[in-house]
């Protein structure tokens, strides 16, 4: 039996670590404002992204996993990108437009070498 993954979309999650010296408030404000506007302004993003979400870490509950015997995560946020294919989503990150406009802007608020990208096939159990 094959697993019934969705064929209409895929998801990429980017785990973000804020730039040293920035407060969480400064990180969130910049990411949610100027950076998001810049990212969403790209033609390649408008063409290739179905859904763009930011998930900002909730400081009140960040240690809750420890009560379950788990390690508290060390991320400051997640980017959730849905697209029709991985090719379309990764085309964004590999584009000249992204390299010229967005990548330099990331230096304002994230520690880029510490970020990670996770491509995910989707199985929707409840919608």
PDB file of N, CA and C in Angstrom:
ATOM      1  N   UNK A   1       0.849  -1.187   0.000  1.00  0.00           N
ATOM      2  CA  UNK A   1       0.000   0.000   0.000  1.00  0.00           C
ATOM      3  C   UNK A   1       0.889   1.243   0.000  1.00  0.00           C
ATOM      4  N   UNK A   2       0.612   2.169  -0.890  1.00  0.00           N
ATOM      5  CA  UNK A   2       1.392   3.399  -0.919  1.00  0.00           C
ATOM      6  C   UNK A   2       0.725   4.453  -0.021  1.00  0.00           C
ATOM      7  N   UNK A   3       1.536   5.311   0.513  1.00  0.00           N
ATOM      8  CA  UNK A   3       1.034   6.370   1.395  1.00  0.00           C
ATOM      9  C   UNK A   3       0.394   7.445   0.534  1.00  0.00           C
ATOM     10  N   UNK A   4      -0.820   7.868   0.879  1.00  0.00           N
ATOM     11  CA  UNK A   4      -1.535   8.848   0.049  1.00  0.00           C
ATOM     12  C   UNK A   4      -1.113  10.296   0.335  1.00  0.00           C
ATOM     13  N   UNK A   5       0.113  10.637  -0.090  1.00  0.00           N
ATOM     14  CA  UNK A   5       0.552  12.018   0.054  1.00  0.00           C
ATOM     15  C   UNK A   5      -0.199  12.897  -0.934  1.00  0.00           C
ATOM     16  N   UNK A   6      -0.354  14.136  -0.571  1.00  0.00           N
ATOM     17  CA  UNK A   6      -1.009  15.097  -1.464  1.00  0.00           C
ATOM     18  C   UNK A   6      -0.185  15.246  -2.735  1.00  0.00           C
ATOM     19  N   UNK A   7      -0.880  15.405  -3.848  1.00  0.00           N
ATOM     20  CA  UNK A   7      -0.199  15.615  -5.127  1.00  0.00           C
ATOM     21  C   UNK A   7      -0.381  17.040  -5.636  1.00  0.00           C
ATOM     22  N   UNK A   8      -1.209  17.814  -4.937  1.00  0.00           N
ATOM     23  CA  UNK A   8      -1.488  19.182  -5.382  1.00  0.00           C
ATOM     24  C   UNK A   8      -0.564  20.216  -4.752  1.00  0.00           C
ATOM     25  N   UNK A   9       0.194  19.804  -3.716  1.00  0.00           N
ATOM     26  CA  UNK A   9       1.110  20.751  -3.085  1.00  0.00           C
ATOM     27  C   UNK A   9       2.138  20.047  -2.231  1.00  0.00           C
ATOM     28  N   UNK A  10       3.235  20.769  -2.008  1.00  0.00           N
ATOM     29  CA  UNK A  10       4.292  20.334  -1.100  1.00  0.00           C
ATOM     30  C   UNK A  10       4.559  21.490  -0.143  1.00  0.00           C
ATOM     31  N   UNK A  11       5.342  21.220   0.882  1.00  0.00           N
ATOM     32  CA  UNK A  11       5.631  22.255   1.877  1.00  0.00           C
ATOM     33  C   UNK A  11       7.126  22.264   2.179  1.00  0.00           C
ATOM     34  N   UNK A  12       7.644  23.452   2.344  1.00  0.00           N
ATOM     35  CA  UNK A  12       9.016  23.641   2.799  1.00  0.00           C
ATOM     36  C   UNK A  12       8.951  24.469   4.073  1.00  0.00           C
ATOM     37  N   UNK A  13       9.630  23.989   5.101  1.00  0.00           N
ATOM     38  CA  UNK A  13       9.712  24.738   6.348  1.00  0.00           C
ATOM     39  C   UNK A  13      11.156  25.174   6.533  1.00  0.00           C
ATOM     40  N   UNK A  14      11.326  26.436   6.867  1.00  0.00           N
ATOM     41  CA  UNK A  14      12.653  26.973   7.134  1.00  0.00           C
ATOM     42  C   UNK A  14      12.717  27.326   8.613  1.00  0.00           C
ATOM     43  N   UNK A  15      13.650  26.718   9.326  1.00  0.00           N
ATOM     44  CA  UNK A  15      13.854  26.984  10.746  1.00  0.00           C
ATOM     45  C   UNK A  15      14.801  28.179  10.855  1.00  0.00           C
ATOM     46  N   UNK A  16      14.373  29.219  11.560  1.00  0.00           N
ATOM     47  CA  UNK A  16      15.154  30.447  11.637  1.00  0.00           C
ATOM     48  C   UNK A  16      15.776  30.653  13.009  1.00  0.00           C
ATOM     49  N   UNK A  17      16.997  31.146  12.995  1.00  0.00           N
ATOM     50  CA  UNK A  17      17.719  31.551  14.198  1.00  0.00           C
ATOM     51  C   UNK A  17      18.022  33.038  14.040  1.00  0.00           C
ATOM     52  N   UNK A  18      17.645  33.819  15.039  1.00  0.00           N
ATOM     53  CA  UNK A  18      17.844  35.262  14.910  1.00  0.00           C
ATOM     54  C   UNK A  18      19.318  35.639  15.006  1.00  0.00           C
ATOM     55  N   UNK A  19      19.647  36.756  14.433  1.00  0.00           N
ATOM     56  CA  UNK A  19      20.999  37.282  14.426  1.00  0.00           C
ATOM     57  C   UNK A  19      21.414  37.628  15.854  1.00  0.00           C
ATOM     58  N   UNK A  20      22.630  37.262  16.250  1.00  0.00           N
ATOM     59  CA  UNK A  20      23.099  37.617  17.593  1.00  0.00           C
ATOM     60  C   UNK A  20      23.010  39.129  17.816  1.00  0.00           C
ATOM     61  N   UNK A  21      22.591  39.504  19.012  1.00  0.00           N
ATOM     62  CA  UNK A  21      22.474  40.919  19.355  1.00  0.00           C
ATOM     63  C   UNK A  21      21.085  41.487  19.164  1.00  0.00           C
ATOM     64  N   UNK A  22      20.207  40.761  18.456  1.00  0.00           N
ATOM     65  CA  UNK A  22      18.825  41.219  18.277  1.00  0.00           C
ATOM     66  C   UNK A  22      17.935  40.634  19.357  1.00  0.00           C
ATOM     67  N   UNK A  23      17.037  41.442  19.879  1.00  0.00           N
ATOM     68  CA  UNK A  23      16.039  40.912  20.790  1.00  0.00           C
ATOM     69  C   UNK A  23      15.008  40.152  19.980  1.00  0.00           C
ATOM     70  N   UNK A  24      14.226  39.325  20.651  1.00  0.00           N
ATOM     71  CA  UNK A  24      13.162  38.608  19.942  1.00  0.00           C
ATOM     72  C   UNK A  24      12.160  39.579  19.338  1.00  0.00           C
ATOM     73  N   UNK A  25      11.888  40.672  20.051  1.00  0.00           N
ATOM     74  CA  UNK A  25      10.952  41.678  19.532  1.00  0.00           C
ATOM     75  C   UNK A  25      11.503  42.338  18.271  1.00  0.00           C
ATOM     76  N   UNK A  26      12.766  42.689  18.275  1.00  0.00           N
ATOM     77  CA  UNK A  26      13.379  43.295  17.086  1.00  0.00           C
ATOM     78  C   UNK A  26      13.364  42.317  15.915  1.00  0.00           C
ATOM     79  N   UNK A  27      13.707  41.064  16.209  1.00  0.00           N
ATOM     80  CA  UNK A  27      13.688  40.011  15.188  1.00  0.00           C
ATOM     81  C   UNK A  27      12.304  39.879  14.577  1.00  0.00           C
ATOM     82  N   UNK A  28      11.280  39.731  15.414  1.00  0.00           N
ATOM     83  CA  UNK A  28       9.912  39.542  14.930  1.00  0.00           C
ATOM     84  C   UNK A  28       9.410  40.751  14.154  1.00  0.00           C
ATOM     85  N   UNK A  29       9.686  41.930  14.679  1.00  0.00           N
ATOM     86  CA  UNK A  29       9.214  43.159  14.018  1.00  0.00           C
ATOM     87  C   UNK A  29       9.805  43.283  12.612  1.00  0.00           C
ATOM     88  N   UNK A  30      11.106  43.031  12.479  1.00  0.00           N
ATOM     89  CA  UNK A  30      11.749  43.155  11.168  1.00  0.00           C
ATOM     90  C   UNK A  30      11.269  42.067  10.209  1.00  0.00           C
ATOM     91  N   UNK A  31      11.203  40.846  10.706  1.00  0.00           N
ATOM     92  CA  UNK A  31      10.789  39.715   9.873  1.00  0.00           C
ATOM     93  C   UNK A  31       9.364  39.898   9.385  1.00  0.00           C
ATOM     94  N   UNK A  32       8.470  40.276  10.289  1.00  0.00           N
ATOM     95  CA  UNK A  32       7.049  40.415   9.953  1.00  0.00           C
ATOM     96  C   UNK A  32       6.785  41.636   9.077  1.00  0.00           C
ATOM     97  N   UNK A  33       7.603  42.656   9.215  1.00  0.00           N
ATOM     98  CA  UNK A  33       7.374  43.891   8.470  1.00  0.00           C
ATOM     99  C   UNK A  33       8.203  43.985   7.203  1.00  0.00           C
ATOM    100  N   UNK A  34       9.340  44.691   7.276  1.00  0.00           N
ATOM    101  CA  UNK A  34      10.128  44.958   6.061  1.00  0.00           C
ATOM    102  C   UNK A  34      10.536  43.711   5.282  1.00  0.00           C
ATOM    103  N   UNK A  35      10.969  42.664   5.982  1.00  0.00           N
ATOM    104  CA  UNK A  35      11.432  41.481   5.259  1.00  0.00           C
ATOM    105  C   UNK A  35      10.280  40.764   4.552  1.00  0.00           C
ATOM    106  N   UNK A  36       9.169  40.587   5.236  1.00  0.00           N
ATOM    107  CA  UNK A  36       8.020  39.911   4.604  1.00  0.00           C
ATOM    108  C   UNK A  36       7.543  40.684   3.384  1.00  0.00           C
ATOM    109  N   UNK A  37       7.479  41.993   3.506  1.00  0.00           N
ATOM    110  CA  UNK A  37       7.049  42.821   2.367  1.00  0.00           C
ATOM    111  C   UNK A  37       8.005  42.658   1.191  1.00  0.00           C
ATOM    112  N   UNK A  38       9.295  42.654   1.475  1.00  0.00           N
ATOM    113  CA  UNK A  38      10.298  42.488   0.427  1.00  0.00           C
ATOM    114  C   UNK A  38      10.164  41.124  -0.240  1.00  0.00           C
ATOM    115  N   UNK A  39      10.073  40.072   0.565  1.00  0.00           N
ATOM    116  CA  UNK A  39       9.941  38.713   0.044  1.00  0.00           C
ATOM    117  C   UNK A  39       8.694  38.588  -0.833  1.00  0.00           C
ATOM    118  N   UNK A  40       7.570  39.070  -0.339  1.00  0.00           N
ATOM    119  CA  UNK A  40       6.309  38.937  -1.080  1.00  0.00           C
ATOM    120  C   UNK A  40       6.262  39.802  -2.333  1.00  0.00           C
ATOM    121  N   UNK A  41       7.157  40.780  -2.445  1.00  0.00           N
ATOM    122  CA  UNK A  41       7.165  41.649  -3.621  1.00  0.00           C
ATOM    123  C   UNK A  41       7.827  40.997  -4.836  1.00  0.00           C
ATOM    124  N   UNK A  42       8.575  39.920  -4.627  1.00  0.00           N
ATOM    125  CA  UNK A  42       9.283  39.283  -5.732  1.00  0.00           C
ATOM    126  C   UNK A  42       8.311  38.605  -6.690  1.00  0.00           C
ATOM    127  N   UNK A  43       8.545  38.796  -7.977  1.00  0.00           N
ATOM    128  CA  UNK A  43       7.706  38.150  -8.993  1.00  0.00           C
ATOM    129  C   UNK A  43       7.758  36.635  -8.875  1.00  0.00           C
ATOM    130  N   UNK A  44       8.937  36.092  -8.591  1.00  0.00           N
ATOM    131  CA  UNK A  44       9.081  34.638  -8.497  1.00  0.00           C
ATOM    132  C   UNK A  44       8.309  34.069  -7.313  1.00  0.00           C
ATOM    133  N   UNK A  45       8.183  34.840  -6.249  1.00  0.00           N
ATOM    134  CA  UNK A  45       7.389  34.420  -5.091  1.00  0.00           C
ATOM    135  C   UNK A  45       5.914  34.440  -5.456  1.00  0.00           C
ATOM    136  N   UNK A  46       5.474  35.521  -6.086  1.00  0.00           N
ATOM    137  CA  UNK A  46       4.069  35.625  -6.498  1.00  0.00           C
ATOM    138  C   UNK A  46       3.686  34.497  -7.437  1.00  0.00           C
ATOM    139  N   UNK A  47       4.629  34.060  -8.263  1.00  0.00           N
ATOM    140  CA  UNK A  47       4.373  33.011  -9.246  1.00  0.00           C
ATOM    141  C   UNK A  47       4.405  31.611  -8.637  1.00  0.00           C
ATOM    142  N   UNK A  48       5.255  31.387  -7.621  1.00  0.00           N
ATOM    143  CA  UNK A  48       5.522  30.020  -7.176  1.00  0.00           C
ATOM    144  C   UNK A  48       4.991  29.640  -5.800  1.00  0.00           C
ATOM    145  N   UNK A  49       4.507  30.589  -5.026  1.00  0.00           N
ATOM    146  CA  UNK A  49       4.071  30.286  -3.655  1.00  0.00           C
ATOM    147  C   UNK A  49       2.551  30.279  -3.559  1.00  0.00           C
ATOM    148  N   UNK A  50       2.014  29.200  -3.003  1.00  0.00           N
ATOM    149  CA  UNK A  50       0.576  29.099  -2.740  1.00  0.00           C
ATOM    150  C   UNK A  50       0.264  29.705  -1.383  1.00  0.00           C
ATOM    151  N   UNK A  51       1.159  29.444  -0.412  1.00  0.00           N
ATOM    152  CA  UNK A  51       0.927  29.906   0.954  1.00  0.00           C
ATOM    153  C   UNK A  51       2.263  30.269   1.588  1.00  0.00           C
ATOM    154  N   UNK A  52       2.258  31.413   2.269  1.00  0.00           N
ATOM    155  CA  UNK A  52       3.452  31.863   3.013  1.00  0.00           C
ATOM    156  C   UNK A  52       3.000  32.216   4.412  1.00  0.00           C
ATOM    157  N   UNK A  53       3.570  31.527   5.394  1.00  0.00           N
ATOM    158  CA  UNK A  53       3.253  31.813   6.793  1.00  0.00           C
ATOM    159  C   UNK A  53       4.541  31.966   7.579  1.00  0.00           C
ATOM    160  N   UNK A  54       4.450  32.784   8.600  1.00  0.00           N
ATOM    161  CA  UNK A  54       5.524  32.897   9.570  1.00  0.00           C
ATOM    162  C   UNK A  54       4.986  32.358  10.893  1.00  0.00           C
ATOM    163  N   UNK A  55       5.807  31.604  11.583  1.00  0.00           N
ATOM    164  CA  UNK A  55       5.456  31.109  12.908  1.00  0.00           C
ATOM    165  C   UNK A  55       6.511  31.627  13.876  1.00  0.00           C
ATOM    166  N   UNK A  56       6.115  32.546  14.730  1.00  0.00           N
ATOM    167  CA  UNK A  56       7.018  33.164  15.698  1.00  0.00           C
ATOM    168  C   UNK A  56       6.929  32.397  17.018  1.00  0.00           C
ATOM    169  N   UNK A  57       8.067  32.109  17.618  1.00  0.00           N
ATOM    170  CA  UNK A  57       8.113  31.342  18.858  1.00  0.00           C
ATOM    171  C   UNK A  57       7.376  32.092  19.973  1.00  0.00           C
ATOM    172  N   UNK A  58       6.557  31.344  20.705  1.00  0.00           N
ATOM    173  CA  UNK A  58       5.832  31.884  21.852  1.00  0.00           C
ATOM    174  C   UNK A  58       6.676  31.650  23.094  1.00  0.00           C
ATOM    175  N   UNK A  59       7.200  32.734  23.654  1.00  0.00           N
ATOM    176  CA  UNK A  59       8.110  32.616  24.798  1.00  0.00           C
ATOM    177  C   UNK A  59       7.474  31.970  26.020  1.00  0.00           C
ATOM    178  N   UNK A  60       6.180  32.167  26.200  1.00  0.00           N
ATOM    179  CA  UNK A  60       5.511  31.618  27.380  1.00  0.00           C
ATOM    180  C   UNK A  60       5.516  30.089  27.367  1.00  0.00           C
ATOM    181  N   UNK A  61       5.407  29.498  26.184  1.00  0.00           N
ATOM    182  CA  UNK A  61       5.277  28.048  26.091  1.00  0.00           C
ATOM    183  C   UNK A  61       6.501  27.347  25.508  1.00  0.00           C
ATOM    184  N   UNK A  62       7.597  28.062  25.266  1.00  0.00           N
ATOM    185  CA  UNK A  62       8.766  27.455  24.632  1.00  0.00           C
ATOM    186  C   UNK A  62       9.369  26.339  25.480  1.00  0.00           C
ATOM    187  N   UNK A  63       9.216  26.398  26.789  1.00  0.00           N
ATOM    188  CA  UNK A  63       9.778  25.350  27.645  1.00  0.00           C
ATOM    189  C   UNK A  63       8.783  24.226  27.945  1.00  0.00           C
ATOM    190  N   UNK A  64       7.565  24.324  27.440  1.00  0.00           N
ATOM    191  CA  UNK A  64       6.557  23.288  27.690  1.00  0.00           C
ATOM    192  C   UNK A  64       7.021  21.885  27.290  1.00  0.00           C
ATOM    193  N   UNK A  65       7.764  21.720  26.196  1.00  0.00           N
ATOM    194  CA  UNK A  65       8.221  20.359  25.854  1.00  0.00           C
ATOM    195  C   UNK A  65       9.043  19.694  26.952  1.00  0.00           C
ATOM    196  N   UNK A  66       9.716  20.480  27.776  1.00  0.00           N
ATOM    197  CA  UNK A  66      10.523  19.900  28.848  1.00  0.00           C
ATOM    198  C   UNK A  66       9.665  19.140  29.851  1.00  0.00           C
ATOM    199  N   UNK A  67       8.423  19.578  30.062  1.00  0.00           N
ATOM    200  CA  UNK A  67       7.512  18.873  30.971  1.00  0.00           C
ATOM    201  C   UNK A  67       7.149  17.493  30.424  1.00  0.00           C
ATOM    202  N   UNK A  68       7.339  17.291  29.121  1.00  0.00           N
ATOM    203  CA  UNK A  68       7.061  16.002  28.491  1.00  0.00           C
ATOM    204  C   UNK A  68       8.333  15.185  28.306  1.00  0.00           C
ATOM    205  N   UNK A  69       9.440  15.676  28.875  1.00  0.00           N
ATOM    206  CA  UNK A  69      10.706  14.965  28.747  1.00  0.00           C
ATOM    207  C   UNK A  69      11.417  15.238  27.437  1.00  0.00           C
ATOM    208  N   UNK A  70      11.015  16.289  26.740  1.00  0.00           N
ATOM    209  CA  UNK A  70      11.629  16.639  25.466  1.00  0.00           C
ATOM    210  C   UNK A  70      12.544  17.851  25.628  1.00  0.00           C
ATOM    211  N   UNK A  71      13.373  18.084  24.657  1.00  0.00           N
ATOM    212  CA  UNK A  71      14.263  19.242  24.666  1.00  0.00           C
ATOM    213  C   UNK A  71      13.525  20.446  24.104  1.00  0.00           C
ATOM    214  N   UNK A  72      13.664  21.577  24.774  1.00  0.00           N
ATOM    215  CA  UNK A  72      13.070  22.812  24.252  1.00  0.00           C
ATOM    216  C   UNK A  72      13.799  23.194  22.966  1.00  0.00           C
ATOM    217  N   UNK A  73      13.065  23.576  21.927  1.00  0.00           N
ATOM    218  CA  UNK A  73      13.701  23.933  20.658  1.00  0.00           C
ATOM    219  C   UNK A  73      14.522  25.207  20.779  1.00  0.00           C
ATOM    220  N   UNK A  74      15.488  25.340  19.894  1.00  0.00           N
ATOM    221  CA  UNK A  74      16.379  26.487  19.915  1.00  0.00           C
ATOM    222  C   UNK A  74      16.182  27.368  18.676  1.00  0.00           C
ATOM    223  N   UNK A  75      14.968  27.420  18.157  1.00  0.00           N
ATOM    224  CA  UNK A  75      14.659  28.241  16.989  1.00  0.00           C
ATOM    225  C   UNK A  75      13.909  29.479  17.433  1.00  0.00           C
ATOM    226  N   UNK A  76      13.966  30.505  16.611  1.00  0.00           N
ATOM    227  CA  UNK A  76      13.224  31.731  16.898  1.00  0.00           C
ATOM    228  C   UNK A  76      11.965  31.840  16.049  1.00  0.00           C
ATOM    229  N   UNK A  77      11.868  31.025  15.022  1.00  0.00           N
ATOM    230  CA  UNK A  77      10.675  31.042  14.188  1.00  0.00           C
ATOM    231  C   UNK A  77      10.807  30.075  13.031  1.00  0.00           C
ATOM    232  N   UNK A  78       9.686  29.901  12.344  1.00  0.00           N
ATOM    233  CA  UNK A  78       9.620  29.035  11.167  1.00  0.00           C
ATOM    234  C   UNK A  78       8.951  29.776  10.022  1.00  0.00           C
ATOM    235  N   UNK A  79       9.439  29.542   8.825  1.00  0.00           N
ATOM    236  CA  UNK A  79       8.758  29.984   7.616  1.00  0.00           C
ATOM    237  C   UNK A  79       8.088  28.751   7.032  1.00  0.00           C
ATOM    238  N   UNK A  80       6.828  28.871   6.675  1.00  0.00           N
ATOM    239  CA  UNK A  80       6.093  27.784   6.049  1.00  0.00           C
ATOM    240  C   UNK A  80       5.732  28.241   4.640  1.00  0.00           C
ATOM    241  N   UNK A  81       6.242  27.508   3.648  1.00  0.00           N
ATOM    242  CA  UNK A  81       5.951  27.817   2.246  1.00  0.00           C
ATOM    243  C   UNK A  81       5.295  26.612   1.595  1.00  0.00           C
ATOM    244  N   UNK A  82       4.145  26.812   0.993  1.00  0.00           N
ATOM    245  CA  UNK A  82       3.484  25.766   0.217  1.00  0.00           C
ATOM    246  C   UNK A  82       3.557  26.152  -1.252  1.00  0.00           C
ATOM    247  N   UNK A  83       3.780  25.150  -2.084  1.00  0.00           N
ATOM    248  CA  UNK A  83       3.813  25.361  -3.522  1.00  0.00           C
ATOM    249  C   UNK A  83       3.356  24.116  -4.239  1.00  0.00           C
ATOM    250  N   UNK A  84       3.236  24.208  -5.557  1.00  0.00           N
ATOM    251  CA  UNK A  84       2.797  23.067  -6.359  1.00  0.00           C
ATOM    252  C   UNK A  84       3.869  21.984  -6.448  1.00  0.00           C
ATOM    253  N   UNK A  85       5.152  22.389  -6.305  1.00  0.00           N
ATOM    254  CA  UNK A  85       6.243  21.420  -6.396  1.00  0.00           C
ATOM    255  C   UNK A  85       7.474  21.968  -5.681  1.00  0.00           C
ATOM    256  N   UNK A  86       8.385  21.051  -5.348  1.00  0.00           N
ATOM    257  CA  UNK A  86       9.651  21.475  -4.759  1.00  0.00           C
ATOM    258  C   UNK A  86      10.443  22.303  -5.758  1.00  0.00           C
ATOM    259  N   UNK A  87      10.361  21.922  -7.030  1.00  0.00           N
ATOM    260  CA  UNK A  87      11.091  22.681  -8.053  1.00  0.00           C
ATOM    261  C   UNK A  87      10.685  24.155  -8.024  1.00  0.00           C
ATOM    262  N   UNK A  88       9.384  24.412  -7.912  1.00  0.00           N
ATOM    263  CA  UNK A  88       8.918  25.800  -7.891  1.00  0.00           C
ATOM    264  C   UNK A  88       9.363  26.536  -6.632  1.00  0.00           C
ATOM    265  N   UNK A  89       9.325  25.859  -5.487  1.00  0.00           N
ATOM    266  CA  UNK A  89       9.737  26.520  -4.247  1.00  0.00           C
ATOM    267  C   UNK A  89      11.244  26.765  -4.221  1.00  0.00           C
ATOM    268  N   UNK A  90      12.030  25.767  -4.602  1.00  0.00           N
ATOM    269  CA  UNK A  90      13.479  25.957  -4.573  1.00  0.00           C
ATOM    270  C   UNK A  90      13.964  26.877  -5.688  1.00  0.00           C
ATOM    271  N   UNK A  91      13.166  27.036  -6.730  1.00  0.00           N
ATOM    272  CA  UNK A  91      13.485  28.013  -7.780  1.00  0.00           C
ATOM    273  C   UNK A  91      13.592  29.416  -7.178  1.00  0.00           C
ATOM    274  N   UNK A  92      12.785  29.679  -6.161  1.00  0.00           N
ATOM    275  CA  UNK A  92      12.821  30.990  -5.485  1.00  0.00           C
ATOM    276  C   UNK A  92      14.200  31.206  -4.869  1.00  0.00           C
ATOM    277  N   UNK A  93      14.630  30.263  -4.023  1.00  0.00           N
ATOM    278  CA  UNK A  93      15.893  30.413  -3.285  1.00  0.00           C
ATOM    279  C   UNK A  93      17.114  30.416  -4.195  1.00  0.00           C
ATOM    280  N   UNK A  94      16.993  29.788  -5.371  1.00  0.00           N
ATOM    281  CA  UNK A  94      18.120  29.701  -6.293  1.00  0.00           C
ATOM    282  C   UNK A  94      18.103  30.798  -7.354  1.00  0.00           C
ATOM    283  N   UNK A  95      17.096  31.658  -7.303  1.00  0.00           N
ATOM    284  CA  UNK A  95      16.958  32.690  -8.336  1.00  0.00           C
ATOM    285  C   UNK A  95      17.909  33.863  -8.116  1.00  0.00           C
ATOM    286  N   UNK A  96      18.239  34.526  -9.205  1.00  0.00           N
ATOM    287  CA  UNK A  96      19.073  35.729  -9.157  1.00  0.00           C
ATOM    288  C   UNK A  96      18.351  36.816  -8.378  1.00  0.00           C
ATOM    289  N   UNK A  97      17.041  36.898  -8.556  1.00  0.00           N
ATOM    290  CA  UNK A  97      16.221  37.912  -7.884  1.00  0.00           C
ATOM    291  C   UNK A  97      16.307  37.758  -6.358  1.00  0.00           C
ATOM    292  N   UNK A  98      16.198  36.530  -5.880  1.00  0.00           N
ATOM    293  CA  UNK A  98      16.299  36.267  -4.437  1.00  0.00           C
ATOM    294  C   UNK A  98      17.706  36.588  -3.933  1.00  0.00           C
ATOM    295  N   UNK A  99      18.718  36.132  -4.669  1.00  0.00           N
ATOM    296  CA  UNK A  99      20.112  36.356  -4.263  1.00  0.00           C
ATOM    297  C   UNK A  99      20.442  37.852  -4.214  1.00  0.00           C
ATOM    298  N   UNK A 100      19.879  38.608  -5.115  1.00  0.00           N
ATOM    299  CA  UNK A 100      20.183  40.034  -5.221  1.00  0.00           C
ATOM    300  C   UNK A 100      19.404  40.870  -4.216  1.00  0.00           C
ATOM    301  N   UNK A 101      18.146  40.479  -3.933  1.00  0.00           N
ATOM    302  CA  UNK A 101      17.254  41.330  -3.142  1.00  0.00           C
ATOM    303  C   UNK A 101      17.009  40.801  -1.729  1.00  0.00           C
ATOM    304  N   UNK A 102      16.658  39.543  -1.600  1.00  0.00           N
ATOM    305  CA  UNK A 102      16.218  39.003  -0.307  1.00  0.00           C
ATOM    306  C   UNK A 102      17.375  38.498   0.547  1.00  0.00           C
ATOM    307  N   UNK A 103      18.279  37.734  -0.039  1.00  0.00           N
ATOM    308  CA  UNK A 103      19.389  37.171   0.751  1.00  0.00           C
ATOM    309  C   UNK A 103      20.177  38.255   1.499  1.00  0.00           C
ATOM    310  N   UNK A 104      20.527  39.373   0.864  1.00  0.00           N
ATOM    311  CA  UNK A 104      21.240  40.410   1.624  1.00  0.00           C
ATOM    312  C   UNK A 104      20.397  40.988   2.770  1.00  0.00           C
ATOM    313  N   UNK A 105      19.088  41.048   2.581  1.00  0.00           N
ATOM    314  CA  UNK A 105      18.208  41.569   3.625  1.00  0.00           C
ATOM    315  C   UNK A 105      18.153  40.633   4.828  1.00  0.00           C
ATOM    316  N   UNK A 106      18.313  39.335   4.594  1.00  0.00           N
ATOM    317  CA  UNK A 106      18.293  38.368   5.688  1.00  0.00           C
ATOM    318  C   UNK A 106      19.405  38.639   6.694  1.00  0.00           C
ATOM    319  N   UNK A 107      20.490  39.233   6.238  1.00  0.00           N
ATOM    320  CA  UNK A 107      21.620  39.532   7.129  1.00  0.00           C
ATOM    321  C   UNK A 107      21.225  40.513   8.233  1.00  0.00           C
ATOM    322  N   UNK A 108      20.116  41.242   8.052  1.00  0.00           N
ATOM    323  CA  UNK A 108      19.647  42.190   9.066  1.00  0.00           C
ATOM    324  C   UNK A 108      19.046  41.507  10.292  1.00  0.00           C
ATOM    325  N   UNK A 109      18.554  40.265  10.149  1.00  0.00           N
ATOM    326  CA  UNK A 109      17.802  39.707  11.275  1.00  0.00           C
ATOM    327  C   UNK A 109      18.008  38.218  11.537  1.00  0.00           C
ATOM    328  N   UNK A 110      18.593  37.461  10.611  1.00  0.00           N
ATOM    329  CA  UNK A 110      18.802  36.036  10.882  1.00  0.00           C
ATOM    330  C   UNK A 110      20.279  35.657  10.810  1.00  0.00           C
ATOM    331  N   UNK A 111      20.596  34.575  11.509  1.00  0.00           N
ATOM    332  CA  UNK A 111      21.920  33.971  11.456  1.00  0.00           C
ATOM    333  C   UNK A 111      21.818  32.879  10.393  1.00  0.00           C
ATOM    334  N   UNK A 112      21.999  33.269   9.152  1.00  0.00           N
ATOM    335  CA  UNK A 112      21.721  32.408   8.003  1.00  0.00           C
ATOM    336  C   UNK A 112      22.407  31.039   8.070  1.00  0.00           C
ATOM    337  N   UNK A 113      23.694  30.946   8.448  1.00  0.00           N
ATOM    338  CA  UNK A 113      24.326  29.619   8.500  1.00  0.00           C
ATOM    339  C   UNK A 113      23.680  28.665   9.518  1.00  0.00           C
ATOM    340  N   UNK A 114      22.963  29.192  10.492  1.00  0.00           N
ATOM    341  CA  UNK A 114      22.324  28.327  11.497  1.00  0.00           C
ATOM    342  C   UNK A 114      20.888  27.954  11.128  1.00  0.00           C
ATOM    343  N   UNK A 115      20.379  28.487  10.035  1.00  0.00           N
ATOM    344  CA  UNK A 115      19.015  28.161   9.603  1.00  0.00           C
ATOM    345  C   UNK A 115      19.023  26.821   8.867  1.00  0.00           C
ATOM    346  N   UNK A 116      17.868  26.162   8.856  1.00  0.00           N
ATOM    347  CA  UNK A 116      17.744  24.878   8.176  1.00  0.00           C
ATOM    348  C   UNK A 116      16.457  24.840   7.366  1.00  0.00           C
ATOM    349  N   UNK A 117      16.485  24.074   6.277  1.00  0.00           N
ATOM    350  CA  UNK A 117      15.316  23.920   5.408  1.00  0.00           C
ATOM    351  C   UNK A 117      14.902  22.453   5.405  1.00  0.00           C
ATOM    352  N   UNK A 118      13.592  22.230   5.552  1.00  0.00           N
ATOM    353  CA  UNK A 118      13.054  20.874   5.583  1.00  0.00           C
ATOM    354  C   UNK A 118      11.937  20.747   4.543  1.00  0.00           C
ATOM    355  N   UNK A 119      12.147  19.969   3.454  1.00  0.00           N
ATOM    356  CA  UNK A 119      11.084  19.722   2.470  1.00  0.00           C
ATOM    357  C   UNK A 119      10.162  18.615   2.973  1.00  0.00           C
ATOM    358  N   UNK A 120       8.856  18.846   2.867  1.00  0.00           N
ATOM    359  CA  UNK A 120       7.877  17.919   3.439  1.00  0.00           C
ATOM    360  C   UNK A 120       6.799  17.511   2.439  1.00  0.00           C
ATOM    361  N   UNK A 121       6.577  16.203   2.328  1.00  0.00           N
ATOM    362  CA  UNK A 121       5.425  15.682   1.592  1.00  0.00           C
ATOM    363  C   UNK A 121       4.254  15.686   2.560  1.00  0.00           C
ATOM    364  N   UNK A 122       3.081  16.030   2.080  1.00  0.00           N
ATOM    365  CA  UNK A 122       1.927  16.242   2.955  1.00  0.00           C
ATOM    366  C   UNK A 122       0.905  15.112   2.894  1.00  0.00           C
ATOM    367  N   UNK A 123       0.496  14.674   4.046  1.00  0.00           N
ATOM    368  CA  UNK A 123      -0.638  13.771   4.199  1.00  0.00           C
ATOM    369  C   UNK A 123      -1.642  14.537   5.062  1.00  0.00           C
ATOM    370  N   UNK A 124      -2.787  14.857   4.503  1.00  0.00           N
ATOM    371  CA  UNK A 124      -3.793  15.628   5.240  1.00  0.00           C
ATOM    372  C   UNK A 124      -4.787  14.671   5.862  1.00  0.00           C
ATOM    373  N   UNK A 125      -4.791  14.626   7.196  1.00  0.00           N
ATOM    374  CA  UNK A 125      -5.697  13.752   7.917  1.00  0.00           C
ATOM    375  C   UNK A 125      -6.981  14.478   8.290  1.00  0.00           C
ATOM    376  N   UNK A 126      -6.880  15.757   8.646  1.00  0.00           N
ATOM    377  CA  UNK A 126      -8.037  16.611   8.978  1.00  0.00           C
ATOM    378  C   UNK A 126      -7.825  17.944   8.302  1.00  0.00           C
ATOM    379  N   UNK A 127      -8.877  18.453   7.669  1.00  0.00           N
ATOM    380  CA  UNK A 127      -8.783  19.774   7.061  1.00  0.00           C
ATOM    381  C   UNK A 127     -10.034  20.569   7.344  1.00  0.00           C
TER     382      UNK A 127
END
